[in-house]
Amino acid sequence: MRGFQDVSREWLELTQERFRKNAEGMTKLAQCRTLPDLAAVQSDLARDNLNQIVDVTRRIAERSMKVADEAAKTITAETGKAGRYPRAA
């Protein structure tokens, strides 16, 4: 459950950060006076979006692997405990 919360938190942080950056980007786009300025700002925004997606995807993958590893250890430990006691007939 904790792992799910960690991954959910990452997605929420991504959404909040993207919203903030997109609002800043819209302000920058509104301030553009020439077509080259507009193209440069759009290019910067696209690059920032892609970089953030790659970074967050990496972090989520790392957390997911950690959660899977912890779950596997828990299952292994529980399986080991179950094997120690005789089953009722």
PDB file of N, CA and C in Angstrom:
ATOM      1  N   MET A   1       0.821  -1.187   0.000  1.00  0.00           N
ATOM      2  CA  MET A   1       0.000   0.000   0.000  1.00  0.00           C
ATOM      3  C   MET A   1       0.872   1.260   0.000  1.00  0.00           C
ATOM      4  N   ARG A   2       1.944   1.218   0.767  1.00  0.00           N
ATOM      5  CA  ARG A   2       2.853   2.376   0.838  1.00  0.00           C
ATOM      6  C   ARG A   2       3.456   2.665  -0.537  1.00  0.00           C
ATOM      7  N   GLY A   3       3.786   1.607  -1.252  1.00  0.00           N
ATOM      8  CA  GLY A   3       4.362   1.785  -2.585  1.00  0.00           C
ATOM      9  C   GLY A   3       3.389   2.446  -3.533  1.00  0.00           C
ATOM     10  N   PHE A   4       2.127   2.041  -3.471  1.00  0.00           N
ATOM     11  CA  PHE A   4       1.104   2.663  -4.305  1.00  0.00           C
ATOM     12  C   PHE A   4       0.989   4.141  -3.981  1.00  0.00           C
ATOM     13  N   GLN A   5       1.052   4.481  -2.691  1.00  0.00           N
ATOM     14  CA  GLN A   5       0.983   5.879  -2.279  1.00  0.00           C
ATOM     15  C   GLN A   5       2.183   6.666  -2.808  1.00  0.00           C
ATOM     16  N   ASP A   6       3.369   6.055  -2.788  1.00  0.00           N
ATOM     17  CA  ASP A   6       4.563   6.729  -3.303  1.00  0.00           C
ATOM     18  C   ASP A   6       4.424   7.028  -4.794  1.00  0.00           C
ATOM     19  N   VAL A   7       3.957   6.041  -5.534  1.00  0.00           N
ATOM     20  CA  VAL A   7       3.802   6.228  -6.979  1.00  0.00           C
ATOM     21  C   VAL A   7       2.713   7.270  -7.260  1.00  0.00           C
ATOM     22  N   SER A   8       1.624   7.206  -6.510  1.00  0.00           N
ATOM     23  CA  SER A   8       0.546   8.193  -6.678  1.00  0.00           C
ATOM     24  C   SER A   8       1.048   9.598  -6.374  1.00  0.00           C
ATOM     25  N   ARG A   9       1.872   9.708  -5.343  1.00  0.00           N
ATOM     26  CA  ARG A   9       2.435  11.006  -4.972  1.00  0.00           C
ATOM     27  C   ARG A   9       3.311  11.557  -6.102  1.00  0.00           C
ATOM     28  N   GLU A  10       4.091  10.680  -6.726  1.00  0.00           N
ATOM     29  CA  GLU A  10       4.933  11.107  -7.857  1.00  0.00           C
ATOM     30  C   GLU A  10       4.072  11.680  -8.978  1.00  0.00           C
ATOM     31  N   TRP A  11       2.978  10.988  -9.300  1.00  0.00           N
ATOM     32  CA  TRP A  11       2.100  11.464 -10.366  1.00  0.00           C
ATOM     33  C   TRP A  11       1.457  12.792  -9.999  1.00  0.00           C
ATOM     34  N   LEU A  12       1.064  12.941  -8.743  1.00  0.00           N
ATOM     35  CA  LEU A  12       0.474  14.197  -8.300  1.00  0.00           C
ATOM     36  C   LEU A  12       1.489  15.333  -8.388  1.00  0.00           C
ATOM     37  N   GLU A  13       2.714  15.070  -7.960  1.00  0.00           N
ATOM     38  CA  GLU A  13       3.766  16.086  -8.050  1.00  0.00           C
ATOM     39  C   GLU A  13       4.043  16.450  -9.504  1.00  0.00           C
ATOM     40  N   LEU A  14       4.036  15.452 -10.389  1.00  0.00           N
ATOM     41  CA  LEU A  14       4.224  15.712 -11.820  1.00  0.00           C
ATOM     42  C   LEU A  14       3.132  16.638 -12.333  1.00  0.00           C
ATOM     43  N   THR A  15       1.901  16.336 -11.982  1.00  0.00           N
ATOM     44  CA  THR A  15       0.775  17.149 -12.445  1.00  0.00           C
ATOM     45  C   THR A  15       0.887  18.577 -11.947  1.00  0.00           C
ATOM     46  N   GLN A  16       1.211  18.737 -10.670  1.00  0.00           N
ATOM     47  CA  GLN A  16       1.338  20.081 -10.106  1.00  0.00           C
ATOM     48  C   GLN A  16       2.484  20.863 -10.747  1.00  0.00           C
ATOM     49  N   GLU A  17       3.609  20.202 -10.931  1.00  0.00           N
ATOM     50  CA  GLU A  17       4.768  20.863 -11.535  1.00  0.00           C
ATOM     51  C   GLU A  17       4.480  21.236 -12.988  1.00  0.00           C
ATOM     52  N   ARG A  18       3.823  20.334 -13.717  1.00  0.00           N
ATOM     53  CA  ARG A  18       3.496  20.620 -15.115  1.00  0.00           C
ATOM     54  C   ARG A  18       2.534  21.792 -15.203  1.00  0.00           C
ATOM     55  N   PHE A  19       1.559  21.834 -14.329  1.00  0.00           N
ATOM     56  CA  PHE A  19       0.605  22.941 -14.322  1.00  0.00           C
ATOM     57  C   PHE A  19       1.325  24.263 -14.092  1.00  0.00           C
ATOM     58  N   ARG A  20       2.228  24.276 -13.125  1.00  0.00           N
ATOM     59  CA  ARG A  20       2.982  25.496 -12.825  1.00  0.00           C
ATOM     60  C   ARG A  20       3.836  25.912 -14.019  1.00  0.00           C
ATOM     61  N   LYS A  21       4.569  24.943 -14.585  1.00  0.00           N
ATOM     62  CA  LYS A  21       5.449  25.269 -15.720  1.00  0.00           C
ATOM     63  C   LYS A  21       4.647  25.705 -16.945  1.00  0.00           C
ATOM     64  N   ASN A  22       3.502  25.064 -17.170  1.00  0.00           N
ATOM     65  CA  ASN A  22       2.676  25.455 -18.310  1.00  0.00           C
ATOM     66  C   ASN A  22       2.103  26.854 -18.136  1.00  0.00           C
ATOM     67  N   ALA A  23       1.743  27.213 -16.910  1.00  0.00           N
ATOM     68  CA  ALA A  23       1.258  28.577 -16.646  1.00  0.00           C
ATOM     69  C   ALA A  23       2.372  29.589 -16.922  1.00  0.00           C
ATOM     70  N   GLU A  24       3.584  29.262 -16.474  1.00  0.00           N
ATOM     71  CA  GLU A  24       4.726  30.146 -16.756  1.00  0.00           C
ATOM     72  C   GLU A  24       4.963  30.227 -18.267  1.00  0.00           C
ATOM     73  N   GLY A  25       4.838  29.086 -18.937  1.00  0.00           N
ATOM     74  CA  GLY A  25       5.042  29.055 -20.385  1.00  0.00           C
ATOM     75  C   GLY A  25       4.017  29.897 -21.126  1.00  0.00           C
ATOM     76  N   MET A  26       2.774  29.842 -20.678  1.00  0.00           N
ATOM     77  CA  MET A  26       1.734  30.655 -21.326  1.00  0.00           C
ATOM     78  C   MET A  26       2.048  32.144 -21.164  1.00  0.00           C
ATOM     79  N   THR A  27       2.570  32.515 -20.005  1.00  0.00           N
ATOM     80  CA  THR A  27       2.960  33.915 -19.786  1.00  0.00           C
ATOM     81  C   THR A  27       4.080  34.300 -20.749  1.00  0.00           C
ATOM     82  N   LYS A  28       5.063  33.417 -20.880  1.00  0.00           N
ATOM     83  CA  LYS A  28       6.168  33.700 -21.808  1.00  0.00           C
ATOM     84  C   LYS A  28       5.673  33.776 -23.247  1.00  0.00           C
ATOM     85  N   LEU A  29       4.761  32.877 -23.621  1.00  0.00           N
ATOM     86  CA  LEU A  29       4.216  32.918 -24.985  1.00  0.00           C
ATOM     87  C   LEU A  29       3.459  34.221 -25.239  1.00  0.00           C
ATOM     88  N   ALA A  30       2.716  34.674 -24.243  1.00  0.00           N
ATOM     89  CA  ALA A  30       1.960  35.918 -24.390  1.00  0.00           C
ATOM     90  C   ALA A  30       2.876  37.126 -24.537  1.00  0.00           C
ATOM     91  N   GLN A  31       4.097  37.035 -24.035  1.00  0.00           N
ATOM     92  CA  GLN A  31       5.039  38.151 -24.099  1.00  0.00           C
ATOM     93  C   GLN A  31       5.826  38.176 -25.412  1.00  0.00           C
ATOM     94  N   CYS A  32       5.696  37.130 -26.209  1.00  0.00           N
ATOM     95  CA  CYS A  32       6.445  37.072 -27.470  1.00  0.00           C
ATOM     96  C   CYS A  32       5.951  38.145 -28.435  1.00  0.00           C
ATOM     97  N   ARG A  33       6.901  38.797 -29.098  1.00  0.00           N
ATOM     98  CA  ARG A  33       6.570  39.860 -30.045  1.00  0.00           C
ATOM     99  C   ARG A  33       6.895  39.471 -31.486  1.00  0.00           C
ATOM    100  N   THR A  34       7.710  38.459 -31.656  1.00  0.00           N
ATOM    101  CA  THR A  34       8.080  38.040 -33.007  1.00  0.00           C
ATOM    102  C   THR A  34       7.879  36.528 -33.138  1.00  0.00           C
ATOM    103  N   LEU A  35       7.770  36.086 -34.383  1.00  0.00           N
ATOM    104  CA  LEU A  35       7.610  34.668 -34.656  1.00  0.00           C
ATOM    105  C   LEU A  35       8.814  33.846 -34.185  1.00  0.00           C
ATOM    106  N   PRO A  36      10.054  34.314 -34.397  1.00  0.00           N
ATOM    107  CA  PRO A  36      11.193  33.557 -33.870  1.00  0.00           C
ATOM    108  C   PRO A  36      11.175  33.428 -32.340  1.00  0.00           C
ATOM    109  N   ASP A  37      10.735  34.491 -31.654  1.00  0.00           N
ATOM    110  CA  ASP A  37      10.619  34.416 -30.189  1.00  0.00           C
ATOM    111  C   ASP A  37       9.591  33.354 -29.794  1.00  0.00           C
ATOM    112  N   LEU A  38       8.471  33.335 -30.486  1.00  0.00           N
ATOM    113  CA  LEU A  38       7.418  32.367 -30.217  1.00  0.00           C
ATOM    114  C   LEU A  38       7.927  30.938 -30.434  1.00  0.00           C
ATOM    115  N   ALA A  39       8.642  30.736 -31.540  1.00  0.00           N
ATOM    116  CA  ALA A  39       9.183  29.407 -31.831  1.00  0.00           C
ATOM    117  C   ALA A  39      10.200  28.976 -30.770  1.00  0.00           C
ATOM    118  N   ALA A  40      11.014  29.895 -30.305  1.00  0.00           N
ATOM    119  CA  ALA A  40      12.008  29.582 -29.282  1.00  0.00           C
ATOM    120  C   ALA A  40      11.340  29.199 -27.966  1.00  0.00           C
ATOM    121  N   VAL A  41      10.318  29.937 -27.572  1.00  0.00           N
ATOM    122  CA  VAL A  41       9.615  29.639 -26.319  1.00  0.00           C
ATOM    123  C   VAL A  41       8.902  28.289 -26.426  1.00  0.00           C
ATOM    124  N   GLN A  42       8.254  28.039 -27.564  1.00  0.00           N
ATOM    125  CA  GLN A  42       7.584  26.752 -27.761  1.00  0.00           C
ATOM    126  C   GLN A  42       8.582  25.605 -27.705  1.00  0.00           C
ATOM    127  N   SER A  43       9.724  25.798 -28.306  1.00  0.00           N
ATOM    128  CA  SER A  43      10.760  24.771 -28.296  1.00  0.00           C
ATOM    129  C   SER A  43      11.247  24.498 -26.873  1.00  0.00           C
ATOM    130  N   ASP A  44      11.457  25.561 -26.099  1.00  0.00           N
ATOM    131  CA  ASP A  44      11.874  25.409 -24.700  1.00  0.00           C
ATOM    132  C   ASP A  44      10.820  24.660 -23.892  1.00  0.00           C
ATOM    133  N   LEU A  45       9.560  24.996 -24.088  1.00  0.00           N
ATOM    134  CA  LEU A  45       8.482  24.322 -23.368  1.00  0.00           C
ATOM    135  C   LEU A  45       8.415  22.840 -23.722  1.00  0.00           C
ATOM    136  N   ALA A  46       8.533  22.531 -25.000  1.00  0.00           N
ATOM    137  CA  ALA A  46       8.494  21.133 -25.429  1.00  0.00           C
ATOM    138  C   ALA A  46       9.664  20.354 -24.830  1.00  0.00           C
ATOM    139  N   ARG A  47      10.846  20.954 -24.843  1.00  0.00           N
ATOM    140  CA  ARG A  47      12.030  20.303 -24.271  1.00  0.00           C
ATOM    141  C   ARG A  47      11.865  20.069 -22.777  1.00  0.00           C
ATOM    142  N   ASP A  48      11.354  21.082 -22.063  1.00  0.00           N
ATOM    143  CA  ASP A  48      11.117  20.945 -20.625  1.00  0.00           C
ATOM    144  C   ASP A  48      10.100  19.839 -20.333  1.00  0.00           C
ATOM    145  N   ASN A  49       9.025  19.797 -21.122  1.00  0.00           N
ATOM    146  CA  ASN A  49       8.008  18.756 -20.940  1.00  0.00           C
ATOM    147  C   ASN A  49       8.614  17.373 -21.132  1.00  0.00           C
ATOM    148  N   LEU A  50       9.376  17.200 -22.182  1.00  0.00           N
ATOM    149  CA  LEU A  50       9.979  15.900 -22.467  1.00  0.00           C
ATOM    150  C   LEU A  50      10.972  15.504 -21.375  1.00  0.00           C
ATOM    151  N   ASN A  51      11.809  16.441 -20.959  1.00  0.00           N
ATOM    152  CA  ASN A  51      12.773  16.145 -19.895  1.00  0.00           C
ATOM    153  C   ASN A  51      12.073  15.749 -18.598  1.00  0.00           C
ATOM    154  N   GLN A  52      11.009  16.452 -18.273  1.00  0.00           N
ATOM    155  CA  GLN A  52      10.299  16.133 -17.039  1.00  0.00           C
ATOM    156  C   GLN A  52       9.619  14.772 -17.138  1.00  0.00           C
ATOM    157  N   ILE A  53       9.042  14.456 -18.273  1.00  0.00           N
ATOM    158  CA  ILE A  53       8.397  13.154 -18.449  1.00  0.00           C
ATOM    159  C   ILE A  53       9.422  12.038 -18.296  1.00  0.00           C
ATOM    160  N   VAL A  54      10.580  12.195 -18.890  1.00  0.00           N
ATOM    161  CA  VAL A  54      11.631  11.175 -18.778  1.00  0.00           C
ATOM    162  C   VAL A  54      12.074  11.031 -17.324  1.00  0.00           C
ATOM    163  N   ASP A  55      12.272  12.141 -16.638  1.00  0.00           N
ATOM    164  CA  ASP A  55      12.725  12.107 -15.247  1.00  0.00           C
ATOM    165  C   ASP A  55      11.688  11.453 -14.339  1.00  0.00           C
ATOM    166  N   VAL A  56      10.441  11.849 -14.470  1.00  0.00           N
ATOM    167  CA  VAL A  56       9.397  11.298 -13.609  1.00  0.00           C
ATOM    168  C   VAL A  56       9.164   9.827 -13.921  1.00  0.00           C
ATOM    169  N   THR A  57       9.206   9.463 -15.182  1.00  0.00           N
ATOM    170  CA  THR A  57       9.034   8.061 -15.560  1.00  0.00           C
ATOM    171  C   THR A  57      10.142   7.215 -14.946  1.00  0.00           C
ATOM    172  N   ARG A  58      11.352   7.727 -14.948  1.00  0.00           N
ATOM    173  CA  ARG A  58      12.470   7.014 -14.326  1.00  0.00           C
ATOM    174  C   ARG A  58      12.235   6.850 -12.830  1.00  0.00           C
ATOM    175  N   ARG A  59      11.825   7.932 -12.157  1.00  0.00           N
ATOM    176  CA  ARG A  59      11.584   7.852 -10.714  1.00  0.00           C
ATOM    177  C   ARG A  59      10.451   6.894 -10.379  1.00  0.00           C
ATOM    178  N   ILE A  60       9.393   6.920 -11.162  1.00  0.00           N
ATOM    179  CA  ILE A  60       8.272   6.012 -10.923  1.00  0.00           C
ATOM    180  C   ILE A  60       8.705   4.568 -11.156  1.00  0.00           C
ATOM    181  N   ALA A  61       9.490   4.333 -12.184  1.00  0.00           N
ATOM    182  CA  ALA A  61       9.991   2.977 -12.441  1.00  0.00           C
ATOM    183  C   ALA A  61      10.863   2.500 -11.283  1.00  0.00           C
ATOM    184  N   GLU A  62      11.717   3.366 -10.766  1.00  0.00           N
ATOM    185  CA  GLU A  62      12.561   2.997  -9.632  1.00  0.00           C
ATOM    186  C   GLU A  62      11.717   2.659  -8.408  1.00  0.00           C
ATOM    187  N   ARG A  63      10.718   3.468  -8.131  1.00  0.00           N
ATOM    188  CA  ARG A  63       9.849   3.199  -6.980  1.00  0.00           C
ATOM    189  C   ARG A  63       9.050   1.924  -7.188  1.00  0.00           C
ATOM    190  N   SER A  64       8.577   1.703  -8.397  1.00  0.00           N
ATOM    191  CA  SER A  64       7.819   0.489  -8.697  1.00  0.00           C
ATOM    192  C   SER A  64       8.684  -0.747  -8.500  1.00  0.00           C
ATOM    193  N   MET A  65       9.938  -0.674  -8.919  1.00  0.00           N
ATOM    194  CA  MET A  65      10.849  -1.802  -8.724  1.00  0.00           C
ATOM    195  C   MET A  65      11.088  -2.039  -7.228  1.00  0.00           C
ATOM    196  N   LYS A  66      11.221  -0.972  -6.472  1.00  0.00           N
ATOM    197  CA  LYS A  66      11.421  -1.101  -5.026  1.00  0.00           C
ATOM    198  C   LYS A  66      10.193  -1.747  -4.382  1.00  0.00           C
ATOM    199  N   VAL A  67       9.006  -1.318  -4.787  1.00  0.00           N
ATOM    200  CA  VAL A  67       7.766  -1.880  -4.251  1.00  0.00           C
ATOM    201  C   VAL A  67       7.667  -3.361  -4.599  1.00  0.00           C
ATOM    202  N   ALA A  68       7.983  -3.714  -5.839  1.00  0.00           N
ATOM    203  CA  ALA A  68       7.925  -5.115  -6.261  1.00  0.00           C
ATOM    204  C   ALA A  68       8.926  -5.954  -5.472  1.00  0.00           C
ATOM    205  N   ASP A  69      10.105  -5.411  -5.245  1.00  0.00           N
ATOM    206  CA  ASP A  69      11.122  -6.128  -4.472  1.00  0.00           C
ATOM    207  C   ASP A  69      10.664  -6.349  -3.034  1.00  0.00           C
ATOM    208  N   GLU A  70      10.099  -5.304  -2.419  1.00  0.00           N
ATOM    209  CA  GLU A  70       9.593  -5.437  -1.053  1.00  0.00           C
ATOM    210  C   GLU A  70       8.451  -6.443  -0.982  1.00  0.00           C
ATOM    211  N   ALA A  71       7.570  -6.434  -1.976  1.00  0.00           N
ATOM    212  CA  ALA A  71       6.460  -7.387  -1.996  1.00  0.00           C
ATOM    213  C   ALA A  71       6.978  -8.814  -2.134  1.00  0.00           C
ATOM    214  N   ALA A  72       7.981  -9.001  -2.995  1.00  0.00           N
ATOM    215  CA  ALA A  72       8.558 -10.335  -3.171  1.00  0.00           C
ATOM    216  C   ALA A  72       9.191 -10.826  -1.869  1.00  0.00           C
ATOM    217  N   LYS A  73       9.877  -9.954  -1.162  1.00  0.00           N
ATOM    218  CA  LYS A  73      10.483 -10.335   0.122  1.00  0.00           C
ATOM    219  C   LYS A  73       9.409 -10.699   1.140  1.00  0.00           C
ATOM    220  N   THR A  74       8.330  -9.932   1.172  1.00  0.00           N
ATOM    221  CA  THR A  74       7.243 -10.213   2.110  1.00  0.00           C
ATOM    222  C   THR A  74       6.595 -11.555   1.792  1.00  0.00           C
ATOM    223  N   ILE A  75       6.349 -11.797   0.514  1.00  0.00           N
ATOM    224  CA  ILE A  75       5.737 -13.064   0.103  1.00  0.00           C
ATOM    225  C   ILE A  75       6.652 -14.229   0.451  1.00  0.00           C
ATOM    226  N   THR A  76       7.934 -14.071   0.195  1.00  0.00           N
ATOM    227  CA  THR A  76       8.898 -15.124   0.506  1.00  0.00           C
ATOM    228  C   THR A  76       8.931 -15.388   2.008  1.00  0.00           C
ATOM    229  N   ALA A  77       8.921 -14.332   2.804  1.00  0.00           N
ATOM    230  CA  ALA A  77       8.940 -14.493   4.260  1.00  0.00           C
ATOM    231  C   ALA A  77       7.671 -15.178   4.747  1.00  0.00           C
ATOM    232  N   GLU A  78       6.524 -14.792   4.208  1.00  0.00           N
ATOM    233  CA  GLU A  78       5.256 -15.400   4.618  1.00  0.00           C
ATOM    234  C   GLU A  78       5.186 -16.861   4.180  1.00  0.00           C
ATOM    235  N   THR A  79       5.706 -17.165   3.013  1.00  0.00           N
ATOM    236  CA  THR A  79       5.726 -18.533   2.524  1.00  0.00           C
ATOM    237  C   THR A  79       6.622 -19.390   3.414  1.00  0.00           C
ATOM    238  N   GLY A  80       7.735 -18.832   3.826  1.00  0.00           N
ATOM    239  CA  GLY A  80       8.653 -19.541   4.714  1.00  0.00           C
ATOM    240  C   GLY A  80       8.016 -19.837   6.056  1.00  0.00           C
ATOM    241  N   LYS A  81       7.233 -18.895   6.581  1.00  0.00           N
ATOM    242  CA  LYS A  81       6.551 -19.099   7.855  1.00  0.00           C
ATOM    243  C   LYS A  81       5.500 -20.202   7.738  1.00  0.00           C
ATOM    244  N   ALA A  82       4.792 -20.200   6.628  1.00  0.00           N
ATOM    245  CA  ALA A  82       3.722 -21.183   6.436  1.00  0.00           C
ATOM    246  C   ALA A  82       4.292 -22.596   6.339  1.00  0.00           C
ATOM    247  N   GLY A  83       5.509 -22.720   5.829  1.00  0.00           N
ATOM    248  CA  GLY A  83       6.120 -24.028   5.680  1.00  0.00           C
ATOM    249  C   GLY A  83       6.609 -24.618   6.988  1.00  0.00           C
ATOM    250  N   ARG A  84       6.732 -23.836   8.032  1.00  0.00           N
ATOM    251  CA  ARG A  84       7.264 -24.306   9.314  1.00  0.00           C
ATOM    252  C   ARG A  84       6.221 -25.015  10.161  1.00  0.00           C
ATOM    253  N   TYR A  85       4.969 -24.735   9.946  1.00  0.00           N
ATOM    254  CA  TYR A  85       3.915 -25.279  10.795  1.00  0.00           C
ATOM    255  C   TYR A  85       3.139 -26.354  10.021  1.00  0.00           C
ATOM    256  N   PRO A  86       2.838 -27.458  10.677  1.00  0.00           N
ATOM    257  CA  PRO A  86       2.062 -28.492   9.994  1.00  0.00           C
ATOM    258  C   PRO A  86       0.626 -28.003   9.753  1.00  0.00           C
ATOM    259  N   ARG A  87       0.098 -28.407   8.629  1.00  0.00           N
ATOM    260  CA  ARG A  87      -1.263 -28.016   8.290  1.00  0.00           C
ATOM    261  C   ARG A  87      -2.258 -28.939   8.985  1.00  0.00           C
ATOM    262  N   ALA A  88      -3.381 -28.378   9.348  1.00  0.00           N
ATOM    263  CA  ALA A  88      -4.437 -29.182   9.976  1.00  0.00           C
ATOM    264  C   ALA A  88      -5.075 -30.061   8.920  1.00  0.00           C
ATOM    265  N   ALA A  89      -5.426 -31.258   9.319  1.00  0.00           N
ATOM    266  CA  ALA A  89      -6.018 -32.197   8.363  1.00  0.00           C
ATOM    267  C   ALA A  89      -7.485 -31.999   8.212  1.00  0.00           C
TER     268      ALA A  89
END
